[in-house]
Protein backbone atom coordinates (compact mmCIF):
# COMPACT_ATOMS: atom_id res chain seq x y z
CA MET A 1 131.99 213.43 56.42
CA SER A 2 131.18 212.21 59.90
CA LEU A 3 129.10 214.28 62.28
CA LYS A 4 132.07 214.55 64.64
CA VAL A 5 134.32 215.99 61.89
CA ARG A 6 131.53 218.34 60.72
CA SER A 7 131.05 219.61 64.26
CA ALA A 8 134.77 220.13 64.63
CA LEU A 9 134.81 222.18 61.42
CA VAL A 10 131.94 224.31 62.66
CA VAL A 11 133.78 224.98 65.89
CA VAL A 12 136.97 225.83 64.04
CA VAL A 13 135.16 228.08 61.58
CA GLY A 14 133.35 229.75 64.46
CA ALA A 15 136.61 230.29 66.27
CA VAL A 16 138.20 231.75 63.14
CA LEU A 17 135.21 234.04 62.54
CA GLY A 18 135.28 235.14 66.17
CA LEU A 19 138.99 235.86 65.95
CA THR A 20 138.42 237.77 62.71
CA VAL A 21 135.65 239.86 64.25
CA SER A 22 137.81 240.47 67.32
CA ILE A 23 140.78 241.51 65.22
CA GLY A 24 138.54 243.60 62.95
CA SER A 25 136.99 245.37 65.94
CA SER A 26 140.42 246.05 67.40
CA VAL A 27 141.68 247.40 64.08
CA LEU A 28 138.52 249.54 63.68
CA ALA A 29 138.84 250.87 67.23
CA SER A 30 142.50 251.66 66.59
CA ARG A 31 141.62 253.42 63.35
CA ASN A 32 138.85 255.43 65.06
CA ALA A 33 141.22 256.40 67.87
CA ALA A 34 143.84 257.39 65.33
CA GLN A 35 141.26 259.36 63.34
CA HIS A 36 140.14 261.21 66.47
CA ALA A 37 143.75 261.92 67.35
CA ASN A 38 144.38 263.26 63.84
CA ASN A 39 141.23 265.40 64.04
CA ASP A 40 142.34 266.76 67.42
CA ARG A 41 145.78 267.57 66.04
CA ASP A 42 144.23 269.27 62.99
CA GLN A 43 141.89 271.28 65.20
CA THR A 44 144.71 272.32 67.51
CA ARG A 45 146.82 273.34 64.52
CA ASP A 46 143.94 275.40 63.08
CA LEU A 47 143.31 277.13 66.40
CA ASP A 48 147.01 277.88 66.70
CA LEU A 49 146.90 279.38 63.21
CA LEU A 50 143.94 281.59 64.16
CA ALA A 51 145.71 282.70 67.34
CA GLU A 52 148.83 283.48 65.30
CA VAL A 53 146.88 285.67 62.88
CA LEU A 54 145.13 287.52 65.70
CA ASP A 55 148.47 288.09 67.40
CA HIS A 56 149.95 289.60 64.22
CA VAL A 57 146.96 291.94 63.90
CA ARG A 58 147.12 292.81 67.59
CA ARG A 59 150.82 293.69 67.52
CA GLU A 60 151.54 294.88 63.99
CA TYR A 61 148.43 296.35 62.33
CA VAL A 62 148.95 300.01 61.45
CA ASP A 63 146.28 301.16 63.96
CA ALA A 64 145.72 299.83 67.45
CA ILE A 65 142.69 297.54 67.49
CA ASP A 66 140.48 297.22 70.55
CA GLU A 67 140.54 293.63 71.82
CA GLU A 68 136.75 293.35 71.84
CA ARG A 69 136.54 294.64 68.28
CA LEU A 70 139.24 292.20 67.20
CA ILE A 71 137.41 289.16 68.58
CA SER A 72 134.04 290.37 67.26
CA SER A 73 135.55 290.81 63.80
CA ALA A 74 136.96 287.30 63.92
CA ILE A 75 133.55 285.88 64.82
CA ARG A 76 131.86 287.92 62.10
CA GLY A 77 134.38 286.58 59.59
CA VAL A 78 133.64 282.97 60.52
CA LEU A 79 129.88 283.42 60.19
CA SER A 80 129.93 285.56 57.05
CA GLU A 81 131.83 282.82 55.22
CA LEU A 82 129.03 280.32 55.90
CA ASP A 83 126.13 282.03 54.10
CA SER A 84 124.51 285.43 53.74
CA HIS A 85 122.04 284.83 56.58
CA SER A 86 124.31 283.66 59.41
CA ARG A 87 125.80 286.53 61.40
CA TYR A 88 127.09 287.77 64.72
CA LEU A 89 124.72 289.93 66.78
CA ASP A 90 126.13 292.57 69.12
CA PRO A 91 123.85 293.59 72.02
CA SER A 92 122.06 296.21 69.93
CA ALA A 93 121.43 293.85 67.00
CA TYR A 94 120.33 291.10 69.38
CA ARG A 95 117.76 293.43 70.96
CA GLU A 96 116.43 294.24 67.50
CA ILE A 97 116.02 290.53 66.74
CA GLN A 98 114.14 290.05 70.01
CA ILE A 99 111.88 293.00 69.22
CA SER A 100 111.14 291.58 65.76
CA ALA A 101 110.23 288.23 67.28
CA THR A 102 108.07 289.47 70.16
CA GLY A 103 106.77 292.68 68.59
CA ASN A 104 107.32 294.62 71.84
CA TYR A 105 109.68 297.47 72.69
CA ALA A 106 109.79 300.70 74.69
CA GLY A 107 109.93 303.87 72.62
CA VAL A 108 107.85 306.53 70.89
CA GLY A 109 106.22 304.37 68.19
CA LEU A 110 107.65 305.60 64.90
CA ASP A 111 108.07 303.45 61.81
CA ILE A 112 110.99 305.14 60.05
CA ALA A 113 113.02 304.47 56.91
CA LEU A 114 115.85 306.00 54.92
CA GLU A 115 114.60 307.97 51.93
CA GLU A 116 117.24 309.81 49.90
CA GLY A 117 119.57 309.66 52.90
CA LYS A 118 117.04 311.19 55.30
CA VAL A 119 115.49 309.47 58.32
CA THR A 120 111.86 309.76 57.26
CA VAL A 121 108.70 308.81 59.13
CA VAL A 122 106.87 306.06 57.25
CA ALA A 123 104.00 306.05 59.74
CA PRO A 124 103.43 306.57 63.46
CA ILE A 125 102.00 303.51 65.19
CA ASP A 126 98.35 303.95 66.12
CA GLY A 127 97.92 305.07 69.72
CA ALA A 128 101.67 305.46 70.33
CA PRO A 129 103.20 308.66 71.84
CA ALA A 130 104.40 309.95 68.45
CA GLN A 131 100.96 309.60 66.88
CA ARG A 132 99.18 311.22 69.81
CA ALA A 133 101.64 314.15 69.69
CA GLY A 134 100.94 314.77 65.99
CA ILE A 135 104.00 313.46 64.12
CA LEU A 136 102.94 312.64 60.55
CA PRO A 137 104.07 310.37 57.71
CA GLY A 138 106.71 312.16 55.64
CA ASP A 139 108.18 314.10 58.56
CA VAL A 140 111.99 313.97 58.59
CA VAL A 141 113.67 313.32 61.95
CA VAL A 142 116.55 315.77 62.34
CA SER A 143 117.50 315.48 66.00
CA VAL A 144 116.81 313.50 69.17
CA ASP A 145 117.30 315.32 72.50
CA ASP A 146 118.71 318.20 70.42
CA VAL A 147 121.56 316.04 69.11
CA PRO A 148 121.49 315.97 65.28
CA ILE A 149 120.85 312.67 63.56
CA ASP A 150 123.62 311.54 61.24
CA GLU A 151 122.22 311.31 57.74
CA GLY A 152 122.00 307.73 56.61
CA ASP A 153 122.32 306.27 60.12
CA LEU A 154 118.91 304.71 60.68
CA ALA A 155 120.08 302.46 63.53
CA GLU A 156 121.32 305.45 65.53
CA ALA A 157 117.98 307.22 65.20
CA VAL A 158 116.09 304.10 66.30
CA ASN A 159 118.33 303.47 69.31
CA ARG A 160 118.17 307.04 70.56
CA MET A 161 114.38 307.18 70.43
CA ARG A 162 114.07 303.98 72.44
CA GLY A 163 114.53 303.77 76.21
CA SER A 164 112.80 302.94 79.44
CA PRO A 165 109.01 303.43 79.67
CA GLY A 166 108.09 306.71 81.32
CA THR A 167 111.26 308.56 80.30
CA GLU A 168 111.07 311.66 78.10
CA VAL A 169 112.72 312.32 74.77
CA MET A 170 112.68 315.40 72.54
CA VAL A 171 112.24 314.68 68.82
CA ASN A 172 112.64 317.43 66.22
CA VAL A 173 111.28 316.96 62.70
CA PHE A 174 111.21 318.89 59.46
CA ARG A 175 107.82 319.02 57.75
CA ASP A 176 107.02 320.24 54.25
CA GLY A 177 105.56 323.74 54.41
CA GLU A 178 107.14 324.59 57.77
CA GLU A 179 110.09 327.00 57.93
CA GLN A 180 111.44 325.72 61.26
CA PRO A 181 111.72 322.24 62.74
CA LEU A 182 108.79 321.12 64.87
CA ARG A 183 109.61 320.03 68.43
CA PHE A 184 107.82 317.14 70.12
CA ALA A 185 108.34 316.24 73.78
CA LEU A 186 107.41 312.56 73.98
CA THR A 187 107.15 310.14 76.89
CA ARG A 188 108.31 306.67 75.97
CA SER A 189 105.90 303.78 76.50
CA MET A 190 105.63 300.09 75.66
CA ILE A 191 104.85 299.67 71.96
CA GLN A 192 103.22 296.65 70.34
CA VAL A 193 104.37 296.41 66.74
CA GLN A 194 101.40 295.73 64.49
CA THR A 195 102.23 293.24 61.76
CA VAL A 196 98.62 292.93 60.54
CA ARG A 197 96.64 295.67 58.82
CA SER A 198 93.12 295.19 57.53
CA ARG A 199 90.39 296.97 55.61
CA TYR A 200 86.95 296.04 54.37
CA LEU A 201 86.83 296.64 50.61
CA GLY A 202 83.10 296.07 50.11
CA ASP A 203 81.01 293.35 48.46
CA GLY A 204 81.98 290.84 51.14
CA ILE A 205 85.74 291.15 50.40
CA GLY A 206 88.31 291.79 53.11
CA TYR A 207 91.92 292.88 52.80
CA LEU A 208 94.65 291.59 55.16
CA LYS A 209 98.19 292.95 54.94
CA LEU A 210 101.00 291.17 56.81
CA THR A 211 104.20 293.21 57.16
CA GLY A 212 106.12 290.55 59.10
CA PHE A 213 105.75 287.47 61.28
CA SER A 214 106.07 287.91 65.05
CA ASP A 215 104.74 285.89 67.98
CA SER A 216 101.47 287.85 67.91
CA THR A 217 100.81 287.79 64.14
CA ALA A 218 98.45 284.79 64.00
CA ASP A 219 96.28 286.04 66.88
CA ASP A 220 96.22 289.54 65.36
CA LEU A 221 95.17 288.02 62.04
CA VAL A 222 92.22 286.25 63.65
CA ARG A 223 91.12 289.45 65.40
CA ALA A 224 91.48 291.46 62.19
CA SER A 225 89.40 288.98 60.20
CA ALA A 226 86.69 289.07 62.87
CA ALA A 227 86.64 292.87 62.65
CA LEU A 228 86.30 292.62 58.87
CA GLY A 229 83.27 290.36 59.31
CA GLN A 230 81.69 292.94 61.60
CA ALA A 231 82.39 295.71 59.11
CA ALA A 232 80.84 293.65 56.32
CA GLU A 233 77.76 292.90 58.46
CA GLN A 234 77.72 289.52 56.74
CA PRO A 235 80.01 286.49 56.49
CA LEU A 236 83.07 287.34 54.42
CA LEU A 237 83.01 285.91 50.92
CA GLY A 238 86.73 286.20 50.40
CA VAL A 239 89.97 287.87 51.49
CA VAL A 240 93.09 289.17 49.82
CA LEU A 241 96.12 288.15 51.88
CA ASP A 242 98.85 290.64 50.95
CA LEU A 243 102.38 289.33 51.58
CA ARG A 244 104.17 291.72 49.24
CA ASN A 245 107.47 293.07 50.60
CA ASN A 246 107.07 290.90 53.70
CA PRO A 247 110.61 289.69 54.52
CA GLY A 248 109.49 286.95 56.93
CA GLY A 249 110.09 286.45 60.62
CA VAL A 250 109.29 283.75 63.16
CA LEU A 251 108.87 280.26 61.69
CA ASP A 252 106.14 279.19 64.13
CA ALA A 253 104.21 282.38 63.33
CA ALA A 254 104.21 281.48 59.64
CA VAL A 255 102.98 277.98 60.47
CA ALA A 256 100.18 279.41 62.64
CA VAL A 257 99.11 281.83 59.88
CA ALA A 258 99.01 279.05 57.28
CA ASP A 259 97.08 276.85 59.72
CA THR A 260 94.48 279.60 60.04
CA PHE A 261 93.53 279.00 56.40
CA LEU A 262 94.14 275.23 56.24
CA ALA A 263 92.10 272.43 57.82
CA ARG A 264 94.67 269.70 57.21
CA GLY A 265 97.90 268.79 55.49
CA LEU A 266 101.62 269.44 55.67
CA ILE A 267 102.63 273.10 55.93
CA VAL A 268 106.43 272.86 55.90
CA ARG A 269 109.20 270.31 56.40
CA GLY A 270 112.71 271.08 57.69
CA SER A 271 115.99 269.24 57.24
CA GLY A 272 119.18 269.83 59.23
CA ARG A 273 121.89 268.12 61.29
CA ALA A 274 120.64 268.93 64.80
CA GLY A 275 117.59 267.10 66.12
CA ASP A 276 115.30 270.11 66.35
CA ALA A 277 116.38 271.22 62.86
CA ARG A 278 114.47 268.25 61.43
CA PHE A 279 110.76 268.91 61.69
CA GLU A 280 107.36 268.68 60.07
CA ARG A 281 104.50 271.08 60.76
CA TYR A 282 100.88 270.15 59.95
CA ALA A 283 97.62 272.08 59.90
CA SER A 284 94.70 271.21 62.16
CA ALA A 285 90.99 271.91 61.69
CA GLY A 286 88.88 274.40 63.60
CA ASP A 287 89.77 277.89 62.31
CA GLU A 288 87.18 280.36 61.03
CA LEU A 289 89.07 281.25 57.84
CA GLU A 290 89.32 277.67 56.55
CA ASP A 291 86.33 277.99 54.20
CA ILE A 292 86.82 281.53 52.94
CA ASN A 293 88.05 282.12 49.37
CA VAL A 294 91.62 283.43 49.44
CA VAL A 295 93.93 285.16 46.99
CA VAL A 296 97.54 285.67 48.08
CA LEU A 297 99.51 288.65 46.75
CA VAL A 298 103.30 288.21 46.49
CA ASN A 299 106.30 289.86 44.86
CA ALA A 300 110.10 289.66 44.90
CA GLY A 301 110.10 291.13 48.41
CA SER A 302 108.07 288.19 49.79
CA ALA A 303 110.61 285.96 51.49
CA SER A 304 111.15 283.16 53.99
CA ALA A 305 108.11 282.92 56.30
CA SER A 306 105.97 284.61 53.61
CA GLU A 307 106.98 281.89 51.18
CA ILE A 308 106.06 279.18 53.70
CA VAL A 309 102.53 280.60 53.88
CA ALA A 310 102.13 281.21 50.15
CA GLY A 311 103.72 277.86 49.28
CA SER A 312 101.50 275.82 51.61
CA LEU A 313 98.26 277.50 50.47
CA LYS A 314 99.29 277.05 46.83
CA ALA A 315 100.36 273.40 47.28
CA HIS A 316 97.05 272.45 48.91
CA GLU A 317 95.10 274.40 46.25
CA ARG A 318 93.65 276.45 49.06
CA ALA A 319 94.38 279.80 47.40
CA LEU A 320 95.45 281.31 44.12
CA VAL A 321 98.75 283.19 44.25
CA VAL A 322 98.83 286.45 42.29
CA GLY A 323 101.71 288.84 41.59
CA GLU A 324 105.39 288.21 40.92
CA ARG A 325 107.90 285.46 41.71
CA THR A 326 108.93 285.48 45.37
CA TYR A 327 112.46 285.98 46.69
CA GLY A 328 113.46 282.34 47.21
CA LYS A 329 114.85 281.93 50.74
CA ALA A 330 114.40 278.40 52.05
CA SER A 331 116.58 278.33 55.15
CA VAL A 332 115.86 278.67 58.86
CA GLN A 333 118.08 280.66 61.20
CA THR A 334 118.28 279.96 64.93
CA VAL A 335 119.28 282.76 67.30
CA MET A 336 121.70 281.41 69.92
CA PRO A 337 122.40 283.67 72.93
CA LEU A 338 126.02 284.20 73.99
CA ALA A 339 127.60 285.96 76.98
CA ASP A 340 127.19 289.69 77.70
CA GLY A 341 123.98 290.17 75.72
CA ARG A 342 125.41 288.94 72.44
CA ALA A 343 124.18 286.19 70.13
CA ILE A 344 124.72 284.49 66.81
CA LYS A 345 122.13 283.90 64.13
CA LEU A 346 123.04 280.57 62.55
CA THR A 347 121.47 278.74 59.63
CA THR A 348 120.43 275.41 61.15
CA SER A 349 117.86 274.03 58.73
CA ARG A 350 116.65 274.07 55.15
CA TYR A 351 112.93 273.88 54.62
CA PHE A 352 110.78 272.38 51.89
CA THR A 353 107.29 273.55 50.98
CA ALA A 354 104.26 271.30 51.25
CA SER A 355 104.80 270.26 47.63
CA GLY A 356 108.20 268.85 48.59
CA ARG A 357 110.16 271.50 46.67
CA SER A 358 113.04 273.60 47.86
CA ILE A 359 112.43 277.15 46.69
CA ASN A 360 115.92 278.37 47.61
CA GLY A 361 117.11 280.72 44.89
CA ARG A 362 114.01 279.94 42.81
CA GLY A 363 111.08 281.35 44.71
CA ILE A 364 107.40 280.59 44.20
CA GLU A 365 105.87 281.23 40.80
CA PRO A 366 102.39 282.79 41.08
CA ASP A 367 99.37 281.09 39.54
CA LEU A 368 98.59 284.42 37.90
CA VAL A 369 101.62 286.57 37.06
CA VAL A 370 100.88 290.30 37.28
CA ARG A 371 103.69 292.85 37.18
CA ALA A 372 103.20 295.95 39.32
CA ASP A 373 102.62 299.10 37.28
CA ASN A 374 104.29 301.11 40.06
CA PRO A 375 106.26 298.98 42.57
CA ARG A 376 106.70 302.03 44.84
CA ALA A 377 102.96 302.65 45.09
CA LEU A 378 101.34 299.51 46.45
CA TYR A 379 98.12 299.57 48.42
CA GLY A 380 98.67 298.81 52.08
CA SER A 381 102.30 299.97 52.17
CA PRO A 382 103.10 301.66 55.51
CA GLY A 383 102.68 305.41 55.39
CA ARG A 384 101.64 305.54 51.74
CA GLN A 385 98.18 306.70 50.72
CA VAL A 386 97.49 304.56 47.67
CA ALA A 387 93.94 303.96 46.49
CA PRO A 388 92.94 300.34 45.79
CA SER A 389 92.16 301.35 42.21
CA ALA A 390 95.77 302.53 41.70
CA ASP A 391 97.24 299.10 42.56
CA ASN A 392 96.91 296.89 39.48
CA GLN A 393 98.02 293.74 41.35
CA LEU A 394 95.33 294.23 43.98
CA GLN A 395 92.77 294.84 41.24
CA ALA A 396 93.76 291.55 39.61
CA ALA A 397 93.30 289.76 42.95
CA LEU A 398 89.86 291.36 43.38
CA ARG A 399 88.80 290.29 39.91
CA VAL A 400 89.67 286.70 40.83
CA LEU A 401 87.59 286.93 44.00
CA GLU A 402 84.66 288.95 42.70
CA GLY A 403 84.29 287.64 39.16
CA GLY A 404 86.43 284.53 39.16
CA ARG A 405 85.17 282.40 42.03
CA LEU A 406 84.80 279.61 39.47
CA ALA A 407 88.58 279.80 38.95
CA LEU A 408 89.08 279.39 42.67
CA SER A 409 86.81 276.34 42.86
CA GLN A 410 88.55 274.79 39.87
CA ALA A 411 91.93 275.39 41.51
CA ARG A 412 90.79 273.38 44.48
């Protein structure tokens, strides 16, 4: 074949390939445009269907439905079908989420819970108006500003005791041994929720209880550990980090707490569709607790952020985990503000522990499994006076620290 013929063939082949690419691109563009058009038609049809359903409910449901309630219910339905953690937040629920994240609110400083249908004081916050006035753990709140509390309605009791700093509120409580309710005139103030509790247990061992993860948790943990060192009058030999019944909280707070004990290494990895839902968080050196022996206490109530901390310390052989299998929640929710003080809490990411595992639905298995003799009587629980000797899980953790330091070194 002559060079001229070969060149002609190359030109022809090139022209054919170019035409093919051009035709292919045109076909692909047409298909994409058609696909988008179909998607738009499907979306319009679905929105019309939703509008049709809402119109039927609006006009024909047996009881008249407030328009705001109707729309809120529709939004709740959409989110509840996604997973158990995504939900719609009305203004009250949104404020509660913000309080949980920041740890700050204006009120009287009572940690309350429902016990047998009664709004019961778990513990007054140290230094808060309720504590200074003399309200005690076990007191039952019966009225706020002389309006009775509905039994079983914890949210109502919380909302009515909160308000602007400097305003007054009257709280009536029943107390065992008293024939009449006790009346307390309280002046609301800014309250800092304490998520870290600590106690020096002797023999160079400190105890750190985390009840949640807020923006201030890591800094509070550092201050608490420093106070333990002062109480010990010597460098701490070890600490028990109690994460039992800790439901989690702010992701970055969990990362900061884990970093306090780790000098290096991956803490957690996230995977999601949005850009900021894909992340990796690493520890950095320079924290005072990096060389202290650690035992982490967990149980089935340890979830989410608690599992990030326990999982990272376990994966890097930085601590032994003692107790019971954790809850198994490996998803991250992002709170997205909406109009009029509302918001949605939407699952945006799934996280993996430092070992690369997803613990969703499986939890973290402790290195040393110890079942609680009495799950309702755990040392460090808010408002409960439980001696360290009465908590068999804590005693197991102490035995590891006090008599089993060799086990810790071997774990590393």
